[in-house]
Each structure stands twice: as structure tokens, then as C-alpha cells.
N, C-alpha and C. Protein backbone atom coordinates (compact mmCIF):
# COMPACT_ATOMS: atom_id res chain seq x y z
N MET A 1 -35.69 2.67 1.20
CA MET A 1 -34.39 2.29 1.74
C MET A 1 -33.96 0.97 1.10
N SER A 2 -32.67 0.83 0.88
CA SER A 2 -32.17 -0.40 0.29
C SER A 2 -31.09 -0.99 1.19
N SER A 3 -30.97 -2.30 1.11
CA SER A 3 -29.89 -2.99 1.82
C SER A 3 -29.07 -3.75 0.79
N ILE A 4 -27.90 -4.15 1.18
CA ILE A 4 -27.01 -4.88 0.28
C ILE A 4 -26.83 -6.28 0.83
N THR A 5 -27.12 -7.26 0.01
CA THR A 5 -26.96 -8.64 0.40
C THR A 5 -25.94 -9.29 -0.52
N LYS A 6 -24.99 -9.98 0.08
CA LYS A 6 -23.94 -10.67 -0.66
C LYS A 6 -23.99 -12.15 -0.34
N ARG A 7 -23.70 -12.93 -1.36
CA ARG A 7 -23.56 -14.37 -1.21
C ARG A 7 -22.19 -14.71 -1.78
N VAL A 8 -21.30 -15.17 -0.92
CA VAL A 8 -19.94 -15.47 -1.34
C VAL A 8 -19.70 -16.96 -1.17
N THR A 9 -19.26 -17.61 -2.22
CA THR A 9 -19.00 -19.04 -2.20
C THR A 9 -17.50 -19.28 -2.20
N PHE A 10 -17.07 -20.18 -1.34
CA PHE A 10 -15.66 -20.55 -1.22
C PHE A 10 -15.54 -22.05 -1.46
N ILE A 11 -14.55 -22.44 -2.23
CA ILE A 11 -14.21 -23.85 -2.41
C ILE A 11 -12.85 -24.04 -1.75
N ALA A 12 -12.81 -24.80 -0.67
CA ALA A 12 -11.56 -25.04 0.05
C ALA A 12 -10.67 -25.98 -0.75
N LYS A 13 -9.39 -25.80 -0.62
CA LYS A 13 -8.44 -26.74 -1.21
C LYS A 13 -8.61 -28.09 -0.52
N GLU A 14 -8.32 -29.15 -1.24
CA GLU A 14 -8.40 -30.50 -0.68
C GLU A 14 -7.58 -30.57 0.59
N GLY A 15 -8.20 -31.03 1.68
CA GLY A 15 -7.52 -31.15 2.96
C GLY A 15 -7.54 -29.87 3.80
N SER A 16 -8.10 -28.79 3.27
CA SER A 16 -8.13 -27.51 4.00
C SER A 16 -9.53 -27.14 4.49
N GLU A 17 -10.43 -28.11 4.46
CA GLU A 17 -11.81 -27.83 4.84
C GLU A 17 -11.94 -27.31 6.27
N ALA A 18 -11.24 -27.92 7.21
CA ALA A 18 -11.34 -27.52 8.61
C ALA A 18 -10.80 -26.11 8.83
N LYS A 19 -9.68 -25.79 8.21
CA LYS A 19 -9.10 -24.45 8.36
C LYS A 19 -9.99 -23.40 7.71
N MET A 20 -10.55 -23.71 6.55
CA MET A 20 -11.45 -22.76 5.88
C MET A 20 -12.68 -22.51 6.75
N LYS A 21 -13.23 -23.57 7.32
CA LYS A 21 -14.39 -23.42 8.20
C LYS A 21 -14.04 -22.57 9.41
N GLU A 22 -12.88 -22.80 9.99
CA GLU A 22 -12.43 -22.02 11.15
C GLU A 22 -12.32 -20.53 10.81
N LEU A 23 -11.69 -20.21 9.69
CA LEU A 23 -11.52 -18.81 9.28
C LEU A 23 -12.86 -18.14 9.00
N LEU A 24 -13.75 -18.84 8.32
CA LEU A 24 -15.03 -18.25 7.97
C LEU A 24 -15.95 -18.09 9.17
N THR A 25 -16.01 -19.08 10.03
CA THR A 25 -16.89 -18.98 11.20
C THR A 25 -16.37 -17.96 12.21
N ALA A 26 -15.07 -17.69 12.20
CA ALA A 26 -14.52 -16.65 13.07
C ALA A 26 -15.05 -15.27 12.70
N MET A 27 -15.58 -15.11 11.52
CA MET A 27 -16.12 -13.83 11.06
C MET A 27 -17.55 -13.58 11.54
N VAL A 28 -18.26 -14.62 11.91
CA VAL A 28 -19.71 -14.50 12.15
C VAL A 28 -20.04 -13.57 13.31
N GLU A 29 -19.59 -13.89 14.50
CA GLU A 29 -19.98 -13.10 15.68
C GLU A 29 -19.53 -11.65 15.62
N PRO A 30 -18.25 -11.37 15.30
CA PRO A 30 -17.86 -9.97 15.24
C PRO A 30 -18.61 -9.19 14.14
N SER A 31 -18.92 -9.86 13.04
CA SER A 31 -19.66 -9.19 11.97
C SER A 31 -21.07 -8.87 12.41
N LYS A 32 -21.71 -9.81 13.11
CA LYS A 32 -23.08 -9.59 13.59
C LYS A 32 -23.16 -8.41 14.57
N ARG A 33 -22.07 -8.14 15.27
CA ARG A 33 -22.05 -7.03 16.23
C ARG A 33 -21.80 -5.67 15.57
N GLU A 34 -21.44 -5.68 14.30
CA GLU A 34 -21.13 -4.41 13.62
C GLU A 34 -22.40 -3.59 13.38
N ASN A 35 -22.22 -2.28 13.45
CA ASN A 35 -23.30 -1.35 13.14
C ASN A 35 -23.70 -1.53 11.67
N GLY A 36 -24.97 -1.77 11.44
CA GLY A 36 -25.47 -1.91 10.07
C GLY A 36 -25.55 -3.33 9.56
N CYS A 37 -25.13 -4.31 10.36
CA CYS A 37 -25.26 -5.71 9.93
C CYS A 37 -26.70 -6.16 10.15
N VAL A 38 -27.33 -6.60 9.09
CA VAL A 38 -28.70 -7.11 9.15
C VAL A 38 -28.68 -8.62 9.35
N PHE A 39 -27.75 -9.30 8.67
CA PHE A 39 -27.65 -10.76 8.72
C PHE A 39 -26.24 -11.17 8.32
N TYR A 40 -25.71 -12.21 8.97
CA TYR A 40 -24.40 -12.73 8.60
C TYR A 40 -24.31 -14.17 9.08
N ASP A 41 -24.07 -15.10 8.17
CA ASP A 41 -23.89 -16.49 8.58
C ASP A 41 -23.09 -17.25 7.54
N ILE A 42 -22.54 -18.37 7.95
CA ILE A 42 -21.72 -19.24 7.10
C ILE A 42 -22.39 -20.61 7.03
N TYR A 43 -22.39 -21.18 5.85
CA TYR A 43 -22.97 -22.50 5.63
C TYR A 43 -21.95 -23.39 4.93
N GLN A 44 -21.92 -24.65 5.32
CA GLN A 44 -21.09 -25.65 4.65
C GLN A 44 -22.02 -26.63 3.97
N TYR A 45 -21.79 -26.90 2.72
CA TYR A 45 -22.66 -27.80 1.95
C TYR A 45 -22.55 -29.23 2.48
N ALA A 46 -23.68 -29.87 2.67
CA ALA A 46 -23.70 -31.25 3.17
C ALA A 46 -23.15 -32.23 2.13
N ASP A 47 -23.39 -31.95 0.86
CA ASP A 47 -22.98 -32.87 -0.20
C ASP A 47 -21.59 -32.56 -0.77
N ASN A 48 -20.95 -31.50 -0.28
CA ASN A 48 -19.60 -31.15 -0.72
C ASN A 48 -18.93 -30.38 0.42
N LYS A 49 -18.21 -31.07 1.28
CA LYS A 49 -17.63 -30.47 2.48
C LYS A 49 -16.57 -29.42 2.18
N ARG A 50 -16.11 -29.34 0.93
CA ARG A 50 -15.14 -28.32 0.54
C ARG A 50 -15.82 -27.00 0.18
N LYS A 51 -17.14 -27.00 0.07
CA LYS A 51 -17.87 -25.82 -0.40
C LYS A 51 -18.58 -25.12 0.76
N PHE A 52 -18.34 -23.80 0.87
CA PHE A 52 -18.93 -22.97 1.91
C PHE A 52 -19.62 -21.77 1.26
N MET A 53 -20.63 -21.26 1.94
CA MET A 53 -21.28 -20.05 1.47
C MET A 53 -21.44 -19.09 2.64
N ALA A 54 -21.00 -17.87 2.43
CA ALA A 54 -21.24 -16.78 3.38
C ALA A 54 -22.40 -15.98 2.84
N VAL A 55 -23.39 -15.73 3.68
CA VAL A 55 -24.52 -14.89 3.30
C VAL A 55 -24.53 -13.73 4.28
N GLU A 56 -24.46 -12.53 3.74
CA GLU A 56 -24.41 -11.35 4.58
C GLU A 56 -25.29 -10.25 4.01
N SER A 57 -25.91 -9.51 4.90
CA SER A 57 -26.77 -8.41 4.48
C SER A 57 -26.44 -7.19 5.34
N TRP A 58 -26.30 -6.05 4.68
CA TRP A 58 -25.89 -4.81 5.33
C TRP A 58 -26.91 -3.72 5.06
N ARG A 59 -27.11 -2.87 6.02
CA ARG A 59 -28.10 -1.79 5.94
C ARG A 59 -27.89 -0.93 4.70
N ASP A 60 -26.62 -0.62 4.39
CA ASP A 60 -26.31 0.24 3.25
C ASP A 60 -24.83 0.09 2.90
N GLU A 61 -24.40 0.82 1.89
CA GLU A 61 -23.01 0.75 1.43
C GLU A 61 -22.03 1.19 2.51
N ALA A 62 -22.42 2.18 3.31
CA ALA A 62 -21.55 2.65 4.39
C ALA A 62 -21.31 1.55 5.43
N ALA A 63 -22.34 0.78 5.75
CA ALA A 63 -22.18 -0.33 6.70
C ALA A 63 -21.27 -1.40 6.12
N LEU A 64 -21.41 -1.71 4.84
CA LEU A 64 -20.55 -2.70 4.19
C LEU A 64 -19.10 -2.20 4.16
N ASP A 65 -18.92 -0.92 3.87
CA ASP A 65 -17.57 -0.34 3.87
C ASP A 65 -16.95 -0.42 5.26
N GLY A 66 -17.75 -0.18 6.31
CA GLY A 66 -17.27 -0.30 7.67
C GLY A 66 -16.82 -1.71 7.98
N HIS A 67 -17.58 -2.69 7.49
CA HIS A 67 -17.23 -4.09 7.67
C HIS A 67 -15.88 -4.39 7.02
N LYS A 68 -15.70 -3.89 5.82
CA LYS A 68 -14.44 -4.13 5.09
C LYS A 68 -13.25 -3.45 5.74
N ALA A 69 -13.50 -2.47 6.60
CA ALA A 69 -12.42 -1.77 7.30
C ALA A 69 -12.16 -2.34 8.69
N SER A 70 -12.91 -3.37 9.09
CA SER A 70 -12.79 -3.92 10.44
C SER A 70 -11.53 -4.78 10.60
N ALA A 71 -11.10 -4.94 11.84
CA ALA A 71 -9.91 -5.75 12.14
C ALA A 71 -10.14 -7.22 11.79
N HIS A 72 -11.33 -7.75 12.09
CA HIS A 72 -11.57 -9.18 11.80
C HIS A 72 -11.62 -9.44 10.29
N TYR A 73 -12.09 -8.46 9.52
CA TYR A 73 -12.08 -8.60 8.06
C TYR A 73 -10.63 -8.63 7.55
N ALA A 74 -9.78 -7.80 8.12
CA ALA A 74 -8.37 -7.77 7.72
C ALA A 74 -7.69 -9.10 7.99
N VAL A 75 -8.00 -9.72 9.13
CA VAL A 75 -7.43 -11.03 9.45
C VAL A 75 -7.89 -12.07 8.44
N TYR A 76 -9.20 -12.10 8.17
CA TYR A 76 -9.73 -13.04 7.17
C TYR A 76 -9.07 -12.81 5.82
N LYS A 77 -9.04 -11.56 5.38
CA LYS A 77 -8.53 -11.22 4.05
C LYS A 77 -7.07 -11.63 3.89
N SER A 78 -6.29 -11.53 4.96
CA SER A 78 -4.87 -11.87 4.87
C SER A 78 -4.60 -13.36 5.11
N SER A 79 -5.63 -14.13 5.45
CA SER A 79 -5.41 -15.52 5.85
C SER A 79 -6.05 -16.59 4.97
N TYR A 80 -7.11 -16.27 4.23
CA TYR A 80 -7.89 -17.33 3.61
C TYR A 80 -7.29 -17.91 2.33
N GLU A 81 -6.52 -17.14 1.57
CA GLU A 81 -6.08 -17.57 0.25
C GLU A 81 -5.30 -18.89 0.23
N PRO A 82 -4.41 -19.18 1.18
CA PRO A 82 -3.69 -20.46 1.12
C PRO A 82 -4.60 -21.68 1.25
N PHE A 83 -5.82 -21.50 1.76
CA PHE A 83 -6.73 -22.61 2.00
C PHE A 83 -7.89 -22.66 1.00
N CYS A 84 -7.94 -21.67 0.11
CA CYS A 84 -9.07 -21.53 -0.80
C CYS A 84 -8.66 -21.81 -2.25
N GLU A 85 -9.36 -22.74 -2.87
CA GLU A 85 -9.10 -23.05 -4.27
C GLU A 85 -9.81 -22.06 -5.18
N HIS A 86 -11.03 -21.64 -4.80
CA HIS A 86 -11.82 -20.75 -5.64
C HIS A 86 -12.80 -19.96 -4.78
N LYS A 87 -13.05 -18.70 -5.18
CA LYS A 87 -14.00 -17.84 -4.48
C LYS A 87 -14.77 -17.04 -5.52
N TYR A 88 -16.09 -16.97 -5.34
CA TYR A 88 -16.89 -16.12 -6.22
C TYR A 88 -18.08 -15.58 -5.44
N SER A 89 -18.62 -14.45 -5.91
CA SER A 89 -19.70 -13.82 -5.14
C SER A 89 -20.76 -13.20 -6.03
N ASP A 90 -21.92 -13.04 -5.43
CA ASP A 90 -23.05 -12.32 -6.03
C ASP A 90 -23.40 -11.21 -5.07
N GLU A 91 -23.73 -10.06 -5.59
CA GLU A 91 -24.17 -8.96 -4.74
C GLU A 91 -25.51 -8.47 -5.26
N LEU A 92 -26.45 -8.33 -4.35
CA LEU A 92 -27.79 -7.89 -4.70
C LEU A 92 -28.12 -6.64 -3.89
N GLU A 93 -28.80 -5.72 -4.51
CA GLU A 93 -29.32 -4.59 -3.76
C GLU A 93 -30.81 -4.84 -3.58
N ILE A 94 -31.22 -4.96 -2.33
CA ILE A 94 -32.60 -5.27 -2.01
C ILE A 94 -33.32 -3.96 -1.68
N LEU A 95 -34.37 -3.68 -2.38
CA LEU A 95 -35.15 -2.48 -2.14
C LEU A 95 -36.33 -2.81 -1.24
N GLY A 96 -36.62 -1.88 -0.36
CA GLY A 96 -37.80 -2.09 0.47
C GLY A 96 -37.58 -1.84 1.91
């Protein structure tokens, strides 16, 4: 069996750190309640308050697809861009 783990890094625009943190942390609890969520959390870098990392792990591709179809994901997706200077991600398939 394999799971999918993603690490997404966000760089908030100058002065938008609080709003970016609010939007990202609003995703944590509803995501953790989703079927197939193995792990989901948000981190803010201590040495760069504009930099955030979301780490999420899903049971399989179907669980990740379900997450992307959720209402809270739609809110995040439609809201974060005005506050984000840059976003990039890594996706790993973990076997075992």
C-alpha cells in the first residue's frame, strides 16, 4: 500500500503574514477529519515569518482527490492568492 505525502511551501506577501496564517490554519481541522487523511499540519518558519509549510499525507490518490473536492479546499483555493507571493510543492509517494 502507498500513501501520498505533500509538502507545500508558501511565501506570504509583505504584510500578509497574519492573513496567510489564518487561511492555512483554517484548513487543518477540517482536513484532519476527512476520510483518508493520515497527517495534516501547518508550520511557520521561526527565522522567516513570511514562510509557511503545509505537510499533508493521504491514504491514496482517491483520498487526496476527495480533499481537493472539499468545501474548505475551495475556500482556501479561492482566497490565498492575494496574500501569497510564491507557492511551490513537492509530492512523494511513500510505499509501505
